[in-house]
Amino acid sequence: MSVSDSAFNIQEVMRLLPHRYPFLLVDKVVSCDAQTKIHAVKNITVNENLFTGHFPGNPIFPGVLILEALAQAAGLLGFKITESKPGANDLYLFAGVDNARFKRQVLPGDALHLHVTFEKERRGIWVFKGRAEVDGELACSADIICARRET
């Protein structure tokens, strides 16, 4: 997989998203066409605090955090589509999830590839389709609903 000119690193991710450790769940963006799709990555490491309780002796990355990672990738795409600047009174909030399906466990050592496409926007409500994959295998799919709000 080659890195495209539309890729950006963690500094750009942190410039756009208000999330910080331990809730920043996008490590880098591999590609983004700034109109319809984004491909981001979350690297899963065994030293993340959540694995002390989910589950001791059998660490599995929680499905709800896979959904949050997809929502964060959707927020990044929303910023790129609108060309809005962080701190410009715009915030993308996770408003809902539909049709979530989990197909495989995500484990420490996995690179979780987040593929999100923009579907539609109406009155500040944005709908995205998300797929989370590990080694090309579907781990989770869901429709992500975000609300763009002024702060």
C-alpha atoms as a PDB file:
ATOM      1  CA  MET A   1       0.000   0.000   0.000  1.00  0.00           C
ATOM      2  CA  SER A   2       1.507   3.299  -0.997  1.00  0.00           C
ATOM      3  CA  VAL A   3       1.063   6.515   0.910  1.00  0.00           C
ATOM      4  CA  SER A   4      -0.673   9.118  -1.220  1.00  0.00           C
ATOM      5  CA  ASP A   5      -0.160  12.875  -1.320  1.00  0.00           C
ATOM      6  CA  SER A   6      -3.382  13.211   0.659  1.00  0.00           C
ATOM      7  CA  ALA A   7      -1.975  11.370   3.670  1.00  0.00           C
ATOM      8  CA  PHE A   8      -1.371  13.149   6.949  1.00  0.00           C
ATOM      9  CA  ASN A   9       0.343  12.308  10.202  1.00  0.00           C
ATOM     10  CA  ILE A  10      -0.608  12.405  13.858  1.00  0.00           C
ATOM     11  CA  GLN A  11       0.158  16.135  14.135  1.00  0.00           C
ATOM     12  CA  GLU A  12      -2.520  16.927  11.540  1.00  0.00           C
ATOM     13  CA  VAL A  13      -4.937  14.467  13.183  1.00  0.00           C
ATOM     14  CA  MET A  14      -4.416  16.222  16.528  1.00  0.00           C
ATOM     15  CA  ARG A  15      -4.800  19.640  14.901  1.00  0.00           C
ATOM     16  CA  LEU A  16      -8.246  18.648  13.604  1.00  0.00           C
ATOM     17  CA  LEU A  17      -9.635  16.449  16.390  1.00  0.00           C
ATOM     18  CA  PRO A  18     -10.096  17.596  19.992  1.00  0.00           C
ATOM     19  CA  HIS A  19      -9.476  14.054  21.329  1.00  0.00           C
ATOM     20  CA  ARG A  20      -6.319  13.199  23.254  1.00  0.00           C
ATOM     21  CA  TYR A  21      -4.892  10.097  24.901  1.00  0.00           C
ATOM     22  CA  PRO A  22      -6.452   7.767  25.815  1.00  0.00           C
ATOM     23  CA  PHE A  23      -9.392   8.605  23.533  1.00  0.00           C
ATOM     24  CA  LEU A  24      -7.593   9.614  20.354  1.00  0.00           C
ATOM     25  CA  LEU A  25      -8.124   6.513  18.224  1.00  0.00           C
ATOM     26  CA  VAL A  26      -6.614   7.533  14.872  1.00  0.00           C
ATOM     27  CA  ASP A  27      -2.825   7.286  14.517  1.00  0.00           C
ATOM     28  CA  LYS A  28      -2.489   8.455  10.912  1.00  0.00           C
ATOM     29  CA  VAL A  29      -4.366   9.006   7.681  1.00  0.00           C
ATOM     30  CA  VAL A  30      -3.136   6.960   4.730  1.00  0.00           C
ATOM     31  CA  SER A  31      -5.299   8.779   2.185  1.00  0.00           C
ATOM     32  CA  CYS A  32      -8.148  11.279   2.037  1.00  0.00           C
ATOM     33  CA  ASP A  33      -9.705  12.687  -1.105  1.00  0.00           C
ATOM     34  CA  ALA A  34     -11.265  15.564   0.933  1.00  0.00           C
ATOM     35  CA  GLN A  35     -14.617  14.925  -0.764  1.00  0.00           C
ATOM     36  CA  THR A  36     -15.915  11.399  -0.219  1.00  0.00           C
ATOM     37  CA  LYS A  37     -13.503   9.022   1.496  1.00  0.00           C
ATOM     38  CA  ILE A  38     -10.761   8.580   4.033  1.00  0.00           C
ATOM     39  CA  HIS A  39      -8.464   5.689   4.973  1.00  0.00           C
ATOM     40  CA  ALA A  40      -7.017   5.969   8.471  1.00  0.00           C
ATOM     41  CA  VAL A  41      -5.139   3.592  10.771  1.00  0.00           C
ATOM     42  CA  LYS A  42      -5.312   2.806  14.489  1.00  0.00           C
ATOM     43  CA  ASN A  43      -2.459   0.608  15.718  1.00  0.00           C
ATOM     44  CA  ILE A  44      -3.539  -1.680  18.535  1.00  0.00           C
ATOM     45  CA  THR A  45      -0.874  -2.177  21.213  1.00  0.00           C
ATOM     46  CA  VAL A  46      -0.978  -4.468  24.232  1.00  0.00           C
ATOM     47  CA  ASN A  47       0.207  -1.693  26.566  1.00  0.00           C
ATOM     48  CA  GLU A  48      -3.044   0.264  26.199  1.00  0.00           C
ATOM     49  CA  ASN A  49      -4.673   0.558  29.630  1.00  0.00           C
ATOM     50  CA  LEU A  50      -8.005  -0.835  28.460  1.00  0.00           C
ATOM     51  CA  PHE A  51      -6.492  -4.312  28.102  1.00  0.00           C
ATOM     52  CA  THR A  52      -6.067  -4.627  31.874  1.00  0.00           C
ATOM     53  CA  GLY A  53      -9.834  -5.071  32.077  1.00  0.00           C
ATOM     54  CA  HIS A  54     -10.898  -6.206  28.561  1.00  0.00           C
ATOM     55  CA  PHE A  55     -10.099  -9.022  29.087  1.00  0.00           C
ATOM     56  CA  PRO A  56      -7.277 -10.035  31.474  1.00  0.00           C
ATOM     57  CA  GLY A  57      -5.395 -12.928  29.892  1.00  0.00           C
ATOM     58  CA  ASN A  58      -7.350 -12.583  26.619  1.00  0.00           C
ATOM     59  CA  PRO A  59      -6.985  -8.984  25.380  1.00  0.00           C
ATOM     60  CA  ILE A  60      -9.617  -7.962  22.820  1.00  0.00           C
ATOM     61  CA  PHE A  61     -10.052  -4.395  21.535  1.00  0.00           C
ATOM     62  CA  PRO A  62     -13.639  -3.370  22.458  1.00  0.00           C
ATOM     63  CA  GLY A  63     -16.182  -3.091  19.649  1.00  0.00           C
ATOM     64  CA  VAL A  64     -17.443   0.220  20.984  1.00  0.00           C
ATOM     65  CA  LEU A  65     -13.935   1.670  20.527  1.00  0.00           C
ATOM     66  CA  ILE A  66     -13.821   0.378  16.955  1.00  0.00           C
ATOM     67  CA  LEU A  67     -17.021   2.357  16.362  1.00  0.00           C
ATOM     68  CA  GLU A  68     -15.486   5.418  18.040  1.00  0.00           C
ATOM     69  CA  ALA A  69     -12.393   5.107  15.818  1.00  0.00           C
ATOM     70  CA  LEU A  70     -14.652   5.027  12.742  1.00  0.00           C
ATOM     71  CA  ALA A  71     -16.509   8.092  14.066  1.00  0.00           C
ATOM     72  CA  GLN A  72     -13.214   9.955  14.575  1.00  0.00           C
ATOM     73  CA  ALA A  73     -12.163   9.117  11.006  1.00  0.00           C
ATOM     74  CA  ALA A  74     -15.571  10.409   9.859  1.00  0.00           C
ATOM     75  CA  GLY A  75     -14.956  13.634  11.794  1.00  0.00           C
ATOM     76  CA  LEU A  76     -11.600  14.069  10.056  1.00  0.00           C
ATOM     77  CA  LEU A  77     -13.273  13.579   6.687  1.00  0.00           C
ATOM     78  CA  GLY A  78     -15.955  16.111   7.656  1.00  0.00           C
ATOM     79  CA  PHE A  79     -13.284  18.706   8.442  1.00  0.00           C
ATOM     80  CA  LYS A  80     -11.604  18.058   5.099  1.00  0.00           C
ATOM     81  CA  ILE A  81     -14.890  18.200   3.143  1.00  0.00           C
ATOM     82  CA  THR A  82     -15.928  21.526   4.675  1.00  0.00           C
ATOM     83  CA  GLU A  83     -12.388  22.905   4.812  1.00  0.00           C
ATOM     84  CA  SER A  84     -13.268  24.265   8.238  1.00  0.00           C
ATOM     85  CA  LYS A  85     -10.499  25.090  10.643  1.00  0.00           C
ATOM     86  CA  PRO A  86     -10.319  23.619  14.123  1.00  0.00           C
ATOM     87  CA  GLY A  87     -11.374  26.125  16.718  1.00  0.00           C
ATOM     88  CA  ALA A  88     -13.623  27.805  14.145  1.00  0.00           C
ATOM     89  CA  ASN A  89     -16.627  26.988  16.318  1.00  0.00           C
ATOM     90  CA  ASP A  90     -17.181  23.624  14.571  1.00  0.00           C
ATOM     91  CA  LEU A  91     -17.380  20.318  16.408  1.00  0.00           C
ATOM     92  CA  TYR A  92     -18.403  16.942  14.998  1.00  0.00           C
ATOM     93  CA  LEU A  93     -20.282  14.874  17.558  1.00  0.00           C
ATOM     94  CA  PHE A  94     -20.981  11.144  17.358  1.00  0.00           C
ATOM     95  CA  ALA A  95     -24.791  11.169  17.069  1.00  0.00           C
ATOM     96  CA  GLY A  96     -25.602   7.566  16.251  1.00  0.00           C
ATOM     97  CA  VAL A  97     -24.728   4.256  14.726  1.00  0.00           C
ATOM     98  CA  ASP A  98     -26.849   1.983  12.552  1.00  0.00           C
ATOM     99  CA  ASN A  99     -26.303  -1.472  11.113  1.00  0.00           C
ATOM    100  CA  ALA A 100     -23.225  -2.244  13.216  1.00  0.00           C
ATOM    101  CA  ARG A 101     -21.815  -5.703  12.606  1.00  0.00           C
ATOM    102  CA  PHE A 102     -18.718  -7.264  14.161  1.00  0.00           C
ATOM    103  CA  LYS A 103     -17.045  -9.992  12.134  1.00  0.00           C
ATOM    104  CA  ARG A 104     -13.706 -10.682  13.838  1.00  0.00           C
ATOM    105  CA  GLN A 105     -11.854  -9.860  17.018  1.00  0.00           C
ATOM    106  CA  VAL A 106      -9.264  -7.086  16.992  1.00  0.00           C
ATOM    107  CA  LEU A 107      -6.199  -8.001  19.022  1.00  0.00           C
ATOM    108  CA  PRO A 108      -2.979  -6.368  20.207  1.00  0.00           C
ATOM    109  CA  GLY A 109      -0.533  -6.195  17.322  1.00  0.00           C
ATOM    110  CA  ASP A 110      -3.267  -5.574  14.755  1.00  0.00           C
ATOM    111  CA  ALA A 111      -3.334  -2.505  12.534  1.00  0.00           C
ATOM    112  CA  LEU A 112      -6.984  -1.470  12.326  1.00  0.00           C
ATOM    113  CA  HIS A 113      -7.635   0.107   8.917  1.00  0.00           C
ATOM    114  CA  LEU A 114     -10.557   2.527   8.993  1.00  0.00           C
ATOM    115  CA  HIS A 115     -12.306   3.107   5.658  1.00  0.00           C
ATOM    116  CA  VAL A 116     -15.024   5.768   5.805  1.00  0.00           C
ATOM    117  CA  THR A 117     -17.089   7.190   2.950  1.00  0.00           C
ATOM    118  CA  PHE A 118     -19.369  10.207   3.046  1.00  0.00           C
ATOM    119  CA  GLU A 119     -22.977   9.363   2.121  1.00  0.00           C
ATOM    120  CA  LYS A 120     -25.081  12.486   2.734  1.00  0.00           C
ATOM    121  CA  GLU A 121     -25.616  15.603   4.835  1.00  0.00           C
ATOM    122  CA  ARG A 122     -28.892  17.206   5.795  1.00  0.00           C
ATOM    123  CA  ARG A 123     -29.354  20.076   8.275  1.00  0.00           C
ATOM    124  CA  GLY A 124     -26.022  19.479   9.966  1.00  0.00           C
ATOM    125  CA  ILE A 125     -26.510  15.708  10.281  1.00  0.00           C
ATOM    126  CA  TRP A 126     -23.878  13.739   8.378  1.00  0.00           C
ATOM    127  CA  VAL A 127     -24.087  10.061   7.433  1.00  0.00           C
ATOM    128  CA  PHE A 128     -20.994   7.983   6.700  1.00  0.00           C
ATOM    129  CA  LYS A 129     -20.411   4.319   5.895  1.00  0.00           C
ATOM    130  CA  GLY A 130     -17.541   2.793   7.825  1.00  0.00           C
ATOM    131  CA  ARG A 131     -15.514  -0.380   7.526  1.00  0.00           C
ATOM    132  CA  ALA A 132     -12.791  -1.450   9.931  1.00  0.00           C
ATOM    133  CA  GLU A 133     -10.422  -4.097   8.583  1.00  0.00           C
ATOM    134  CA  VAL A 134      -7.432  -6.068   9.819  1.00  0.00           C
ATOM    135  CA  ASP A 135      -5.151  -7.597   7.175  1.00  0.00           C
ATOM    136  CA  GLY A 136      -7.858  -6.999   4.559  1.00  0.00           C
ATOM    137  CA  GLU A 137     -10.435  -8.911   6.596  1.00  0.00           C
ATOM    138  CA  LEU A 138     -13.610  -7.145   7.761  1.00  0.00           C
ATOM    139  CA  ALA A 139     -13.664  -6.628  11.526  1.00  0.00           C
ATOM    140  CA  CYS A 140     -16.606  -4.208  11.756  1.00  0.00           C
ATOM    141  CA  SER A 141     -18.986  -2.313   9.505  1.00  0.00           C
ATOM    142  CA  ALA A 142     -21.452   0.385  10.483  1.00  0.00           C
ATOM    143  CA  ASP A 143     -23.303   3.484   9.377  1.00  0.00           C
ATOM    144  CA  ILE A 144     -21.923   6.391  11.408  1.00  0.00           C
ATOM    145  CA  ILE A 145     -24.079   9.444  12.084  1.00  0.00           C
ATOM    146  CA  CYS A 146     -22.374  12.675  13.128  1.00  0.00           C
ATOM    147  CA  ALA A 147     -23.798  16.044  14.013  1.00  0.00           C
ATOM    148  CA  ARG A 148     -21.921  19.183  13.065  1.00  0.00           C
ATOM    149  CA  ARG A 149     -22.487  21.781  15.725  1.00  0.00           C
ATOM    150  CA  GLU A 150     -21.164  25.217  16.483  1.00  0.00           C
ATOM    151  CA  THR A 151     -19.502  25.508  19.878  1.00  0.00           C
END
